PDB file of N, CA and C in Angstrom:
ATOM      1  N   UNK A   1     -10.025  62.574  52.392  1.00  0.00           N
ATOM      2  CA  UNK A   1      -9.141  63.507  53.063  1.00  0.00           C
ATOM      3  C   UNK A   1      -9.341  64.939  52.582  1.00  0.00           C
ATOM      4  N   UNK A   2      -9.927  65.102  51.415  1.00  0.00           N
ATOM      5  CA  UNK A   2     -10.106  66.467  50.918  1.00  0.00           C
ATOM      6  C   UNK A   2     -10.989  67.279  51.857  1.00  0.00           C
ATOM      7  N   UNK A   3     -12.123  66.721  52.250  1.00  0.00           N
ATOM      8  CA  UNK A   3     -13.024  67.484  53.123  1.00  0.00           C
ATOM      9  C   UNK A   3     -12.422  67.677  54.509  1.00  0.00           C
ATOM     10  N   UNK A   4     -11.652  66.712  54.994  1.00  0.00           N
ATOM     11  CA  UNK A   4     -11.005  66.854  56.294  1.00  0.00           C
ATOM     12  C   UNK A   4      -9.964  67.967  56.262  1.00  0.00           C
ATOM     13  N   UNK A   5      -9.199  68.036  55.177  1.00  0.00           N
ATOM     14  CA  UNK A   5      -8.218  69.120  55.041  1.00  0.00           C
ATOM     15  C   UNK A   5      -8.912  70.476  55.037  1.00  0.00           C
ATOM     16  N   UNK A   6      -9.968  70.592  54.247  1.00  0.00           N
ATOM     17  CA  UNK A   6     -10.711  71.852  54.154  1.00  0.00           C
ATOM     18  C   UNK A   6     -11.263  72.242  55.529  1.00  0.00           C
ATOM     19  N   UNK A   7     -11.870  71.285  56.228  1.00  0.00           N
ATOM     20  CA  UNK A   7     -12.436  71.562  57.551  1.00  0.00           C
ATOM     21  C   UNK A   7     -11.362  71.990  58.535  1.00  0.00           C
ATOM     22  N   UNK A   8     -10.231  71.295  58.550  1.00  0.00           N
ATOM     23  CA  UNK A   8      -9.142  71.646  59.466  1.00  0.00           C
ATOM     24  C   UNK A   8      -8.648  73.064  59.212  1.00  0.00           C
ATOM     25  N   UNK A   9      -8.450  73.411  57.953  1.00  0.00           N
ATOM     26  CA  UNK A   9      -7.943  74.743  57.620  1.00  0.00           C
ATOM     27  C   UNK A   9      -8.939  75.830  58.011  1.00  0.00           C
ATOM     28  N   UNK A  10     -10.210  75.605  57.730  1.00  0.00           N
ATOM     29  CA  UNK A  10     -11.229  76.612  58.049  1.00  0.00           C
ATOM     30  C   UNK A  10     -11.411  76.744  59.558  1.00  0.00           C
ATOM     31  N   UNK A  11     -11.432  75.620  60.281  1.00  0.00           N
ATOM     32  CA  UNK A  11     -11.566  75.683  61.742  1.00  0.00           C
ATOM     33  C   UNK A  11     -10.379  76.385  62.383  1.00  0.00           C
ATOM     34  N   UNK A  12      -9.177  76.109  61.890  1.00  0.00           N
ATOM     35  CA  UNK A  12      -7.987  76.769  62.438  1.00  0.00           C
ATOM     36  C   UNK A  12      -8.090  78.279  62.269  1.00  0.00           C
ATOM     37  N   UNK A  13      -8.569  78.719  61.133  1.00  0.00           N
ATOM     38  CA  UNK A  13      -8.730  80.149  60.883  1.00  0.00           C
ATOM     39  C   UNK A  13      -9.775  80.752  61.833  1.00  0.00           C
ATOM     40  N   UNK A  14     -10.869  80.034  62.048  1.00  0.00           N
ATOM     41  CA  UNK A  14     -11.930  80.528  62.928  1.00  0.00           C
ATOM     42  C   UNK A  14     -11.459  80.594  64.375  1.00  0.00           C
ATOM     43  N   UNK A  15     -10.801  79.547  64.841  1.00  0.00           N
ATOM     44  CA  UNK A  15     -10.331  79.499  66.226  1.00  0.00           C
ATOM     45  C   UNK A  15      -9.281  80.573  66.483  1.00  0.00           C
ATOM     46  N   UNK A  16      -8.372  80.749  65.532  1.00  0.00           N
ATOM     47  CA  UNK A  16      -7.309  81.744  65.684  1.00  0.00           C
ATOM     48  C   UNK A  16      -7.796  83.156  65.374  1.00  0.00           C
ATOM     49  N   UNK A  17      -9.001  83.264  64.804  1.00  0.00           N
ATOM     50  CA  UNK A  17      -9.518  84.551  64.333  1.00  0.00           C
ATOM     51  C   UNK A  17      -8.490  85.233  63.431  1.00  0.00           C
ATOM     52  N   UNK A  18      -7.927  84.395  62.531  1.00  0.00           N
ATOM     53  CA  UNK A  18      -6.855  84.854  61.645  1.00  0.00           C
ATOM     54  C   UNK A  18      -6.975  84.114  60.317  1.00  0.00           C
ATOM     55  N   UNK A  19      -7.271  84.837  59.261  1.00  0.00           N
ATOM     56  CA  UNK A  19      -7.460  84.221  57.943  1.00  0.00           C
ATOM     57  C   UNK A  19      -6.194  83.588  57.397  1.00  0.00           C
ATOM     58  N   UNK A  20      -5.038  83.919  57.968  1.00  0.00           N
ATOM     59  CA  UNK A  20      -3.783  83.343  57.473  1.00  0.00           C
ATOM     60  C   UNK A  20      -3.366  82.093  58.245  1.00  0.00           C
ATOM     61  N   UNK A  21      -4.102  81.741  59.281  1.00  0.00           N
ATOM     62  CA  UNK A  21      -3.749  80.557  60.080  1.00  0.00           C
ATOM     63  C   UNK A  21      -3.892  79.293  59.245  1.00  0.00           C
ATOM     64  N   UNK A  22      -2.994  78.354  59.441  1.00  0.00           N
ATOM     65  CA  UNK A  22      -2.975  77.057  58.763  1.00  0.00           C
ATOM     66  C   UNK A  22      -3.194  77.206  57.255  1.00  0.00           C
ATOM     67  N   UNK A  23      -2.154  77.663  56.579  1.00  0.00           N
ATOM     68  CA  UNK A  23      -2.231  77.845  55.128  1.00  0.00           C
ATOM     69  C   UNK A  23      -2.307  76.499  54.417  1.00  0.00           C
ATOM     70  N   UNK A  24      -2.544  76.531  53.116  1.00  0.00           N
ATOM     71  CA  UNK A  24      -2.759  75.304  52.339  1.00  0.00           C
ATOM     72  C   UNK A  24      -1.559  74.368  52.391  1.00  0.00           C
ATOM     73  N   UNK A  25      -0.359  74.898  52.262  1.00  0.00           N
ATOM     74  CA  UNK A  25       0.838  74.047  52.275  1.00  0.00           C
ATOM     75  C   UNK A  25       0.987  73.337  53.617  1.00  0.00           C
ATOM     76  N   UNK A  26       0.764  74.065  54.705  1.00  0.00           N
ATOM     77  CA  UNK A  26       0.869  73.470  56.041  1.00  0.00           C
ATOM     78  C   UNK A  26      -0.223  72.430  56.251  1.00  0.00           C
ATOM     79  N   UNK A  27      -1.415  72.707  55.759  1.00  0.00           N
ATOM     80  CA  UNK A  27      -2.524  71.758  55.870  1.00  0.00           C
ATOM     81  C   UNK A  27      -2.188  70.450  55.164  1.00  0.00           C
ATOM     82  N   UNK A  28      -1.692  70.531  53.932  1.00  0.00           N
ATOM     83  CA  UNK A  28      -1.343  69.315  53.181  1.00  0.00           C
ATOM     84  C   UNK A  28      -0.190  68.564  53.837  1.00  0.00           C
ATOM     85  N   UNK A  29       0.800  69.294  54.320  1.00  0.00           N
ATOM     86  CA  UNK A  29       1.932  68.655  54.995  1.00  0.00           C
ATOM     87  C   UNK A  29       1.454  67.930  56.255  1.00  0.00           C
ATOM     88  N   UNK A  30       0.543  68.556  57.005  1.00  0.00           N
ATOM     89  CA  UNK A  30       0.019  67.934  58.227  1.00  0.00           C
ATOM     90  C   UNK A  30      -0.739  66.651  57.917  1.00  0.00           C
ATOM     91  N   UNK A  31      -1.483  66.641  56.814  1.00  0.00           N
ATOM     92  CA  UNK A  31      -2.305  65.469  56.507  1.00  0.00           C
ATOM     93  C   UNK A  31      -1.534  64.357  55.806  1.00  0.00           C
ATOM     94  N   UNK A  32      -0.358  64.641  55.321  1.00  0.00           N
ATOM     95  CA  UNK A  32       0.437  63.611  54.639  1.00  0.00           C
ATOM     96  C   UNK A  32       1.596  63.185  55.533  1.00  0.00           C
ATOM     97  N   UNK A  33       2.671  63.910  55.493  1.00  0.00           N
ATOM     98  CA  UNK A  33       3.847  63.552  56.291  1.00  0.00           C
ATOM     99  C   UNK A  33       3.561  63.653  57.788  1.00  0.00           C
ATOM    100  N   UNK A  34       2.813  64.663  58.193  1.00  0.00           N
ATOM    101  CA  UNK A  34       2.472  64.810  59.610  1.00  0.00           C
ATOM    102  C   UNK A  34       1.658  63.637  60.121  1.00  0.00           C
ATOM    103  N   UNK A  35       0.683  63.208  59.334  1.00  0.00           N
ATOM    104  CA  UNK A  35      -0.126  62.050  59.718  1.00  0.00           C
ATOM    105  C   UNK A  35       0.695  60.784  59.794  1.00  0.00           C
ATOM    106  N   UNK A  36       1.583  60.601  58.828  1.00  0.00           N
ATOM    107  CA  UNK A  36       2.447  59.414  58.824  1.00  0.00           C
ATOM    108  C   UNK A  36       3.346  59.401  60.053  1.00  0.00           C
ATOM    109  N   UNK A  37       3.913  60.537  60.383  1.00  0.00           N
ATOM    110  CA  UNK A  37       4.787  60.624  61.567  1.00  0.00           C
ATOM    111  C   UNK A  37       4.002  60.375  62.848  1.00  0.00           C
ATOM    112  N   UNK A  38       2.791  60.923  62.928  1.00  0.00           N
ATOM    113  CA  UNK A  38       1.962  60.734  64.123  1.00  0.00           C
ATOM    114  C   UNK A  38       1.642  59.263  64.349  1.00  0.00           C
ATOM    115  N   UNK A  39       1.509  58.505  63.266  1.00  0.00           N
ATOM    116  CA  UNK A  39       1.231  57.072  63.363  1.00  0.00           C
ATOM    117  C   UNK A  39       2.499  56.238  63.533  1.00  0.00           C
ATOM    118  N   UNK A  40       3.660  56.883  63.486  1.00  0.00           N
ATOM    119  CA  UNK A  40       4.924  56.165  63.611  1.00  0.00           C
ATOM    120  C   UNK A  40       5.400  55.541  62.314  1.00  0.00           C
ATOM    121  N   UNK A  41       4.850  55.991  61.183  1.00  0.00           N
ATOM    122  CA  UNK A  41       5.206  55.423  59.882  1.00  0.00           C
ATOM    123  C   UNK A  41       5.929  56.411  58.979  1.00  0.00           C
ATOM    124  N   UNK A  42       6.439  57.490  59.525  1.00  0.00           N
ATOM    125  CA  UNK A  42       7.069  58.527  58.725  1.00  0.00           C
ATOM    126  C   UNK A  42       8.239  58.058  57.889  1.00  0.00           C
ATOM    127  N   UNK A  43       8.852  56.944  58.288  1.00  0.00           N
ATOM    128  CA  UNK A  43       9.977  56.413  57.508  1.00  0.00           C
ATOM    129  C   UNK A  43       9.498  55.596  56.305  1.00  0.00           C
ATOM    130  N   UNK A  44       8.189  55.280  56.248  1.00  0.00           N
ATOM    131  CA  UNK A  44       7.663  54.429  55.173  1.00  0.00           C
ATOM    132  C   UNK A  44       6.645  55.103  54.266  1.00  0.00           C
ATOM    133  N   UNK A  45       5.913  56.074  54.804  1.00  0.00           N
ATOM    134  CA  UNK A  45       4.838  56.720  54.036  1.00  0.00           C
ATOM    135  C   UNK A  45       4.816  58.218  54.338  1.00  0.00           C
ATOM    136  N   UNK A  46       3.971  58.937  53.628  1.00  0.00           N
ATOM    137  CA  UNK A  46       3.727  60.341  53.938  1.00  0.00           C
ATOM    138  C   UNK A  46       4.392  61.339  53.022  1.00  0.00           C
ATOM    139  N   UNK A  47       5.381  60.897  52.263  1.00  0.00           N
ATOM    140  CA  UNK A  47       6.052  61.792  51.317  1.00  0.00           C
ATOM    141  C   UNK A  47       6.546  60.968  50.140  1.00  0.00           C
ATOM    142  N   UNK A  48       6.816  61.651  49.055  1.00  0.00           N
ATOM    143  CA  UNK A  48       7.290  60.974  47.847  1.00  0.00           C
ATOM    144  C   UNK A  48       8.813  60.948  47.894  1.00  0.00           C
ATOM    145  N   UNK A  49       9.354  59.788  48.255  1.00  0.00           N
ATOM    146  CA  UNK A  49      10.800  59.611  48.376  1.00  0.00           C
ATOM    147  C   UNK A  49      11.166  58.198  47.954  1.00  0.00           C
ATOM    148  N   UNK A  50      12.396  58.034  47.494  1.00  0.00           N
ATOM    149  CA  UNK A  50      12.900  56.708  47.138  1.00  0.00           C
ATOM    150  C   UNK A  50      12.845  55.823  48.376  1.00  0.00           C
ATOM    151  N   UNK A  51      12.306  54.620  48.207  1.00  0.00           N
ATOM    152  CA  UNK A  51      12.227  53.665  49.298  1.00  0.00           C
ATOM    153  C   UNK A  51      10.930  53.711  50.084  1.00  0.00           C
ATOM    154  N   UNK A  52      10.119  54.731  49.884  1.00  0.00           N
ATOM    155  CA  UNK A  52       8.835  54.807  50.576  1.00  0.00           C
ATOM    156  C   UNK A  52       7.747  54.213  49.692  1.00  0.00           C
ATOM    157  N   UNK A  53       6.661  53.781  50.332  1.00  0.00           N
ATOM    158  CA  UNK A  53       5.537  53.230  49.585  1.00  0.00           C
ATOM    159  C   UNK A  53       4.937  54.316  48.700  1.00  0.00           C
ATOM    160  N   UNK A  54       4.565  53.938  47.501  1.00  0.00           N
ATOM    161  CA  UNK A  54       4.059  54.911  46.531  1.00  0.00           C
ATOM    162  C   UNK A  54       2.543  54.858  46.449  1.00  0.00           C
ATOM    163  N   UNK A  55       1.875  55.554  47.347  1.00  0.00           N
ATOM    164  CA  UNK A  55       0.431  55.734  47.277  1.00  0.00           C
ATOM    165  C   UNK A  55       0.198  57.154  46.779  1.00  0.00           C
ATOM    166  N   UNK A  56      -0.343  57.273  45.581  1.00  0.00           N
ATOM    167  CA  UNK A  56      -0.498  58.583  44.951  1.00  0.00           C
ATOM    168  C   UNK A  56      -1.883  58.741  44.349  1.00  0.00           C
ATOM    169  N   UNK A  57      -2.334  59.984  44.262  1.00  0.00           N
ATOM    170  CA  UNK A  57      -3.567  60.295  43.544  1.00  0.00           C
ATOM    171  C   UNK A  57      -3.269  61.368  42.511  1.00  0.00           C
ATOM    172  N   UNK A  58      -3.973  61.289  41.406  1.00  0.00           N
ATOM    173  CA  UNK A  58      -3.895  62.309  40.364  1.00  0.00           C
ATOM    174  C   UNK A  58      -5.219  63.067  40.388  1.00  0.00           C
ATOM    175  N   UNK A  59      -5.137  64.376  40.529  1.00  0.00           N
ATOM    176  CA  UNK A  59      -6.326  65.213  40.620  1.00  0.00           C
ATOM    177  C   UNK A  59      -6.460  66.021  39.333  1.00  0.00           C
ATOM    178  N   UNK A  60      -7.625  65.932  38.712  1.00  0.00           N
ATOM    179  CA  UNK A  60      -7.912  66.678  37.487  1.00  0.00           C
ATOM    180  C   UNK A  60      -8.399  68.071  37.871  1.00  0.00           C
ATOM    181  N   UNK A  61      -7.574  69.066  37.628  1.00  0.00           N
ATOM    182  CA  UNK A  61      -7.918  70.442  37.985  1.00  0.00           C
ATOM    183  C   UNK A  61      -8.439  71.241  36.793  1.00  0.00           C
ATOM    184  N   UNK A  62      -8.862  70.542  35.743  1.00  0.00           N
ATOM    185  CA  UNK A  62      -9.340  71.241  34.549  1.00  0.00           C
ATOM    186  C   UNK A  62     -10.856  71.429  34.522  1.00  0.00           C
ATOM    187  N   UNK A  63     -11.564  70.808  35.439  1.00  0.00           N
ATOM    188  CA  UNK A  63     -13.030  70.869  35.433  1.00  0.00           C
ATOM    189  C   UNK A  63     -13.542  72.258  35.830  1.00  0.00           C
ATOM    190  N   UNK A  64     -14.763  72.530  35.467  1.00  0.00           N
ATOM    191  CA  UNK A  64     -15.386  73.820  35.738  1.00  0.00           C
ATOM    192  C   UNK A  64     -15.355  74.177  37.222  1.00  0.00           C
ATOM    193  N   UNK A  65     -15.653  73.207  38.087  1.00  0.00           N
ATOM    194  CA  UNK A  65     -15.717  73.501  39.526  1.00  0.00           C
ATOM    195  C   UNK A  65     -14.369  73.835  40.144  1.00  0.00           C
ATOM    196  N   UNK A  66     -13.285  73.626  39.423  1.00  0.00           N
ATOM    197  CA  UNK A  66     -11.965  73.977  39.952  1.00  0.00           C
ATOM    198  C   UNK A  66     -11.404  75.236  39.289  1.00  0.00           C
ATOM    199  N   UNK A  67     -12.261  75.964  38.591  1.00  0.00           N
ATOM    200  CA  UNK A  67     -11.812  77.178  37.903  1.00  0.00           C
ATOM    201  C   UNK A  67     -12.340  78.418  38.616  1.00  0.00           C
ATOM    202  N   UNK A  68     -11.655  79.523  38.590  1.00  0.00           N
ATOM    203  CA  UNK A  68     -10.328  79.690  38.012  1.00  0.00           C
ATOM    204  C   UNK A  68      -9.280  79.141  38.968  1.00  0.00           C
ATOM    205  N   UNK A  69      -8.254  78.594  38.428  1.00  0.00           N
ATOM    206  CA  UNK A  69      -7.173  78.009  39.223  1.00  0.00           C
ATOM    207  C   UNK A  69      -6.117  79.075  39.497  1.00  0.00           C
ATOM    208  N   UNK A  70      -5.956  79.404  40.773  1.00  0.00           N
ATOM    209  CA  UNK A  70      -4.940  80.391  41.150  1.00  0.00           C
ATOM    210  C   UNK A  70      -3.689  79.692  41.660  1.00  0.00           C
ATOM    211  N   UNK A  71      -3.849  78.906  42.715  1.00  0.00           N
ATOM    212  CA  UNK A  71      -2.711  78.138  43.229  1.00  0.00           C
ATOM    213  C   UNK A  71      -3.158  76.697  43.434  1.00  0.00           C
ATOM    214  N   UNK A  72      -2.317  75.770  43.041  1.00  0.00           N
ATOM    215  CA  UNK A  72      -2.663  74.349  43.114  1.00  0.00           C
ATOM    216  C   UNK A  72      -2.900  73.917  44.556  1.00  0.00           C
ATOM    217  N   UNK A  73      -2.025  74.303  45.473  1.00  0.00           N
ATOM    218  CA  UNK A  73      -2.180  73.866  46.862  1.00  0.00           C
ATOM    219  C   UNK A  73      -3.496  74.356  47.464  1.00  0.00           C
ATOM    220  N   UNK A  74      -3.824  75.613  47.250  1.00  0.00           N
ATOM    221  CA  UNK A  74      -5.092  76.135  47.775  1.00  0.00           C
ATOM    222  C   UNK A  74      -6.272  75.418  47.132  1.00  0.00           C
ATOM    223  N   UNK A  75      -6.168  75.129  45.857  1.00  0.00           N
ATOM    224  CA  UNK A  75      -7.245  74.419  45.163  1.00  0.00           C
ATOM    225  C   UNK A  75      -7.448  73.032  45.771  1.00  0.00           C
ATOM    226  N   UNK A  76      -6.344  72.333  46.058  1.00  0.00           N
ATOM    227  CA  UNK A  76      -6.434  70.995  46.641  1.00  0.00           C
ATOM    228  C   UNK A  76      -7.088  71.026  48.019  1.00  0.00           C
ATOM    229  N   UNK A  77      -6.799  72.053  48.804  1.00  0.00           N
ATOM    230  CA  UNK A  77      -7.342  72.127  50.162  1.00  0.00           C
ATOM    231  C   UNK A  77      -8.784  72.626  50.185  1.00  0.00           C
ATOM    232  N   UNK A  78      -9.090  73.656  49.426  1.00  0.00           N
ATOM    233  CA  UNK A  78     -10.377  74.329  49.577  1.00  0.00           C
ATOM    234  C   UNK A  78     -11.443  73.975  48.548  1.00  0.00           C
ATOM    235  N   UNK A  79     -11.070  73.450  47.394  1.00  0.00           N
ATOM    236  CA  UNK A  79     -12.073  73.290  46.335  1.00  0.00           C
ATOM    237  C   UNK A  79     -11.992  71.968  45.590  1.00  0.00           C
ATOM    238  N   UNK A  80     -11.366  70.977  46.182  1.00  0.00           N
ATOM    239  CA  UNK A  80     -11.236  69.689  45.508  1.00  0.00           C
ATOM    240  C   UNK A  80     -11.942  68.616  46.327  1.00  0.00           C
ATOM    241  N   UNK A  81     -12.562  67.692  45.620  1.00  0.00           N
ATOM    242  CA  UNK A  81     -13.210  66.551  46.251  1.00  0.00           C
ATOM    243  C   UNK A  81     -12.898  65.289  45.477  1.00  0.00           C
ATOM    244  N   UNK A  82     -13.449  64.197  45.925  1.00  0.00           N
ATOM    245  CA  UNK A  82     -13.151  62.908  45.291  1.00  0.00           C
ATOM    246  C   UNK A  82     -13.559  62.878  43.824  1.00  0.00           C
ATOM    247  N   UNK A  83     -14.525  63.703  43.444  1.00  0.00           N
ATOM    248  CA  UNK A  83     -14.968  63.709  42.056  1.00  0.00           C
ATOM    249  C   UNK A  83     -13.883  64.196  41.094  1.00  0.00           C
ATOM    250  N   UNK A  84     -12.863  64.875  41.588  1.00  0.00           N
ATOM    251  CA  UNK A  84     -11.772  65.313  40.722  1.00  0.00           C
ATOM    252  C   UNK A  84     -10.624  64.307  40.648  1.00  0.00           C
ATOM    253  N   UNK A  85     -10.683  63.240  41.437  1.00  0.00           N
ATOM    254  CA  UNK A  85      -9.614  62.236  41.409  1.00  0.00           C
ATOM    255  C   UNK A  85      -9.785  61.382  40.156  1.00  0.00           C
ATOM    256  N   UNK A  86      -8.753  61.359  39.326  1.00  0.00           N
ATOM    257  CA  UNK A  86      -8.836  60.604  38.069  1.00  0.00           C
ATOM    258  C   UNK A  86      -8.068  59.293  38.114  1.00  0.00           C
ATOM    259  N   UNK A  87      -6.985  59.252  38.891  1.00  0.00           N
ATOM    260  CA  UNK A  87      -6.142  58.059  38.946  1.00  0.00           C
ATOM    261  C   UNK A  87      -5.613  57.876  40.362  1.00  0.00           C
ATOM    262  N   UNK A  88      -5.443  56.611  40.776  1.00  0.00           N
ATOM    263  CA  UNK A  88      -4.904  56.286  42.097  1.00  0.00           C
ATOM    264  C   UNK A  88      -3.940  55.120  41.953  1.00  0.00           C
ATOM    265  N   UNK A  89      -2.796  55.229  42.628  1.00  0.00           N
ATOM    266  CA  UNK A  89      -1.832  54.132  42.713  1.00  0.00           C
ATOM    267  C   UNK A  89      -1.634  53.806  44.183  1.00  0.00           C
ATOM    268  N   UNK A  90      -1.714  52.527  44.524  1.00  0.00           N
ATOM    269  CA  UNK A  90      -1.468  52.069  45.888  1.00  0.00           C
ATOM    270  C   UNK A  90      -0.283  51.130  45.833  1.00  0.00           C
ATOM    271  N   UNK A  91       0.743  51.448  46.627  1.00  0.00           N
ATOM    272  CA  UNK A  91       2.005  50.702  46.598  1.00  0.00           C
ATOM    273  C   UNK A  91       2.539  50.622  45.166  1.00  0.00           C
ATOM    274  N   UNK A  92       2.345  51.700  44.419  1.00  0.00           N
ATOM    275  CA  UNK A  92       2.850  51.778  43.057  1.00  0.00           C
ATOM    276  C   UNK A  92       2.010  51.079  42.007  1.00  0.00           C
ATOM    277  N   UNK A  93       0.912  50.456  42.422  1.00  0.00           N
ATOM    278  CA  UNK A  93       0.064  49.716  41.475  1.00  0.00           C
ATOM    279  C   UNK A  93      -1.207  50.510  41.188  1.00  0.00           C
ATOM    280  N   UNK A  94      -1.594  50.617  39.907  1.00  0.00           N
ATOM    281  CA  UNK A  94      -2.806  51.375  39.581  1.00  0.00           C
ATOM    282  C   UNK A  94      -4.062  50.688  40.116  1.00  0.00           C
ATOM    283  N   UNK A  95      -4.906  51.473  40.770  1.00  0.00           N
ATOM    284  CA  UNK A  95      -6.181  50.966  41.290  1.00  0.00           C
ATOM    285  C   UNK A  95      -7.371  51.722  40.709  1.00  0.00           C
ATOM    286  N   UNK A  96      -7.125  52.955  40.254  1.00  0.00           N
ATOM    287  CA  UNK A  96      -8.135  53.750  39.569  1.00  0.00           C
ATOM    288  C   UNK A  96      -7.442  54.371  38.359  1.00  0.00           C
ATOM    289  N   UNK A  97      -7.941  54.071  37.171  1.00  0.00           N
ATOM    290  CA  UNK A  97      -7.351  54.586  35.936  1.00  0.00           C
ATOM    291  C   UNK A  97      -8.450  55.294  35.152  1.00  0.00           C
ATOM    292  N   UNK A  98      -8.247  56.575  34.913  1.00  0.00           N
ATOM    293  CA  UNK A  98      -9.245  57.397  34.224  1.00  0.00           C
ATOM    294  C   UNK A  98     -10.633  57.194  34.829  1.00  0.00           C
ATOM    295  N   UNK A  99     -10.674  57.257  36.156  1.00  0.00           N
ATOM    296  CA  UNK A  99     -11.902  57.159  36.956  1.00  0.00           C
ATOM    297  C   UNK A  99     -12.571  55.785  36.938  1.00  0.00           C
ATOM    298  N   UNK A 100     -11.855  54.769  36.495  1.00  0.00           N
ATOM    299  CA  UNK A 100     -12.381  53.400  36.487  1.00  0.00           C
ATOM    300  C   UNK A 100     -11.533  52.533  37.409  1.00  0.00           C
ATOM    301  N   UNK A 101     -12.196  51.797  38.325  1.00  0.00           N
ATOM    302  CA  UNK A 101     -11.477  50.886  39.208  1.00  0.00           C
ATOM    303  C   UNK A 101     -10.893  49.733  38.403  1.00  0.00           C
ATOM    304  N   UNK A 102      -9.673  49.342  38.730  1.00  0.00           N
ATOM    305  CA  UNK A 102      -9.012  48.236  38.037  1.00  0.00           C
ATOM    306  C   UNK A 102      -8.372  47.296  39.061  1.00  0.00           C
ATOM    307  N   UNK A 103      -8.318  46.021  38.698  1.00  0.00           N
ATOM    308  CA  UNK A 103      -7.634  45.040  39.531  1.00  0.00           C
ATOM    309  C   UNK A 103      -8.268  44.798  40.881  1.00  0.00           C
ATOM    310  N   UNK A 104      -9.568  44.988  40.976  1.00  0.00           N
ATOM    311  CA  UNK A 104     -10.257  44.780  42.246  1.00  0.00           C
ATOM    312  C   UNK A 104     -11.462  43.874  42.029  1.00  0.00           C
ATOM    313  N   UNK A 105     -11.760  43.088  43.043  1.00  0.00           N
ATOM    314  CA  UNK A 105     -12.928  42.213  43.026  1.00  0.00           C
ATOM    315  C   UNK A 105     -14.123  43.011  43.546  1.00  0.00           C
ATOM    316  N   UNK A 106     -14.753  43.790  42.672  1.00  0.00           N
ATOM    317  CA  UNK A 106     -15.853  44.654  43.101  1.00  0.00           C
ATOM    318  C   UNK A 106     -17.014  43.887  43.721  1.00  0.00           C
ATOM    319  N   UNK A 107     -17.471  42.767  43.134  1.00  0.00           N
ATOM    320  CA  UNK A 107     -18.542  42.016  43.803  1.00  0.00           C
ATOM    321  C   UNK A 107     -18.122  41.547  45.204  1.00  0.00           C
ATOM    322  N   UNK A 108     -16.874  41.147  45.351  1.00  0.00           N
ATOM    323  CA  UNK A 108     -16.382  40.722  46.660  1.00  0.00           C
ATOM    324  C   UNK A 108     -16.323  41.868  47.655  1.00  0.00           C
ATOM    325  N   UNK A 109     -15.898  43.035  47.200  1.00  0.00           N
ATOM    326  CA  UNK A 109     -15.840  44.215  48.066  1.00  0.00           C
ATOM    327  C   UNK A 109     -17.242  44.602  48.521  1.00  0.00           C
ATOM    328  N   UNK A 110     -18.190  44.597  47.597  1.00  0.00           N
ATOM    329  CA  UNK A 110     -19.577  44.941  47.935  1.00  0.00           C
ATOM    330  C   UNK A 110     -20.162  43.921  48.908  1.00  0.00           C
ATOM    331  N   UNK A 111     -19.905  42.643  48.664  1.00  0.00           N
ATOM    332  CA  UNK A 111     -20.402  41.592  49.567  1.00  0.00           C
ATOM    333  C   UNK A 111     -19.805  41.754  50.960  1.00  0.00           C
ATOM    334  N   UNK A 112     -18.523  42.068  51.034  1.00  0.00           N
ATOM    335  CA  UNK A 112     -17.854  42.273  52.315  1.00  0.00           C
ATOM    336  C   UNK A 112     -18.458  43.470  53.051  1.00  0.00           C
ATOM    337  N   UNK A 113     -18.740  44.543  52.328  1.00  0.00           N
ATOM    338  CA  UNK A 113     -19.353  45.723  52.941  1.00  0.00           C
ATOM    339  C   UNK A 113     -20.740  45.388  53.483  1.00  0.00           C
ATOM    340  N   UNK A 114     -21.493  44.617  52.732  1.00  0.00           N
ATOM    341  CA  UNK A 114     -22.840  44.235  53.184  1.00  0.00           C
ATOM    342  C   UNK A 114     -22.780  43.333  54.415  1.00  0.00           C
ATOM    343  N   UNK A 115     -21.806  42.432  54.455  1.00  0.00           N
ATOM    344  CA  UNK A 115     -21.641  41.579  55.635  1.00  0.00           C
ATOM    345  C   UNK A 115     -21.296  42.427  56.851  1.00  0.00           C
ATOM    346  N   UNK A 116     -20.437  43.411  56.657  1.00  0.00           N
ATOM    347  CA  UNK A 116     -20.089  44.320  57.750  1.00  0.00           C
ATOM    348  C   UNK A 116     -21.292  45.089  58.249  1.00  0.00           C
ATOM    349  N   UNK A 117     -22.123  45.534  57.315  1.00  0.00           N
ATOM    350  CA  UNK A 117     -23.347  46.243  57.683  1.00  0.00           C
ATOM    351  C   UNK A 117     -24.237  45.353  58.545  1.00  0.00           C
ATOM    352  N   UNK A 118     -24.375  44.093  58.172  1.00  0.00           N
ATOM    353  CA  UNK A 118     -25.224  43.173  58.933  1.00  0.00           C
ATOM    354  C   UNK A 118     -24.660  42.936  60.329  1.00  0.00           C
ATOM    355  N   UNK A 119     -23.348  42.831  60.452  1.00  0.00           N
ATOM    356  CA  UNK A 119     -22.741  42.654  61.780  1.00  0.00           C
ATOM    357  C   UNK A 119     -23.027  43.863  62.664  1.00  0.00           C
ATOM    358  N   UNK A 120     -22.950  45.054  62.075  1.00  0.00           N
ATOM    359  CA  UNK A 120     -23.224  46.275  62.834  1.00  0.00           C
ATOM    360  C   UNK A 120     -24.692  46.328  63.237  1.00  0.00           C
ATOM    361  N   UNK A 121     -25.578  45.947  62.353  1.00  0.00           N
ATOM    362  CA  UNK A 121     -27.013  45.940  62.682  1.00  0.00           C
ATOM    363  C   UNK A 121     -27.298  45.028  63.863  1.00  0.00           C
ATOM    364  N   UNK A 122     -26.645  43.880  63.918  1.00  0.00           N
ATOM    365  CA  UNK A 122     -26.873  42.937  65.016  1.00  0.00           C
ATOM    366  C   UNK A 122     -26.315  43.469  66.328  1.00  0.00           C
ATOM    367  N   UNK A 123     -25.265  44.230  66.276  1.00  0.00           N
ATOM    368  CA  UNK A 123     -24.694  44.816  67.491  1.00  0.00           C
ATOM    369  C   UNK A 123     -25.655  45.841  68.074  1.00  0.00           C
ATOM    370  N   UNK A 124     -26.254  46.644  67.215  1.00  0.00           N
ATOM    371  CA  UNK A 124     -27.171  47.698  67.670  1.00  0.00           C
ATOM    372  C   UNK A 124     -28.502  47.141  68.130  1.00  0.00           C
ATOM    373  N   UNK A 125     -28.890  45.963  67.667  1.00  0.00           N
ATOM    374  CA  UNK A 125     -30.219  45.420  67.969  1.00  0.00           C
ATOM    375  C   UNK A 125     -30.335  44.939  69.391  1.00  0.00           C
TER     376      UNK A 125
END
């Protein structure tokens, strides 16, 4: 979602011919709560609230590529990628801890991906 947010914000500025169009806060709101509402799930996901599913990411903004840090929201939209994600929780359960996957069947996931690739190859053939 990081690259999609960046692309959306930059395209909005280009189309509007206005550097202030679709600011970082609006971009993040559109991709989180806005996306959840568009899918009809705004009551369950999209924001951090009691009773909603807790899918969260922790972004490490201390790395060289994220410096100098002026505003966190702008940094998240314009200069952050998956390489800065250090931790992930899905439904409140840790799935990535200090950049290491946990609680997942990695061989099974890889095998499933390869099976999917083969199904796609047969469709195209």
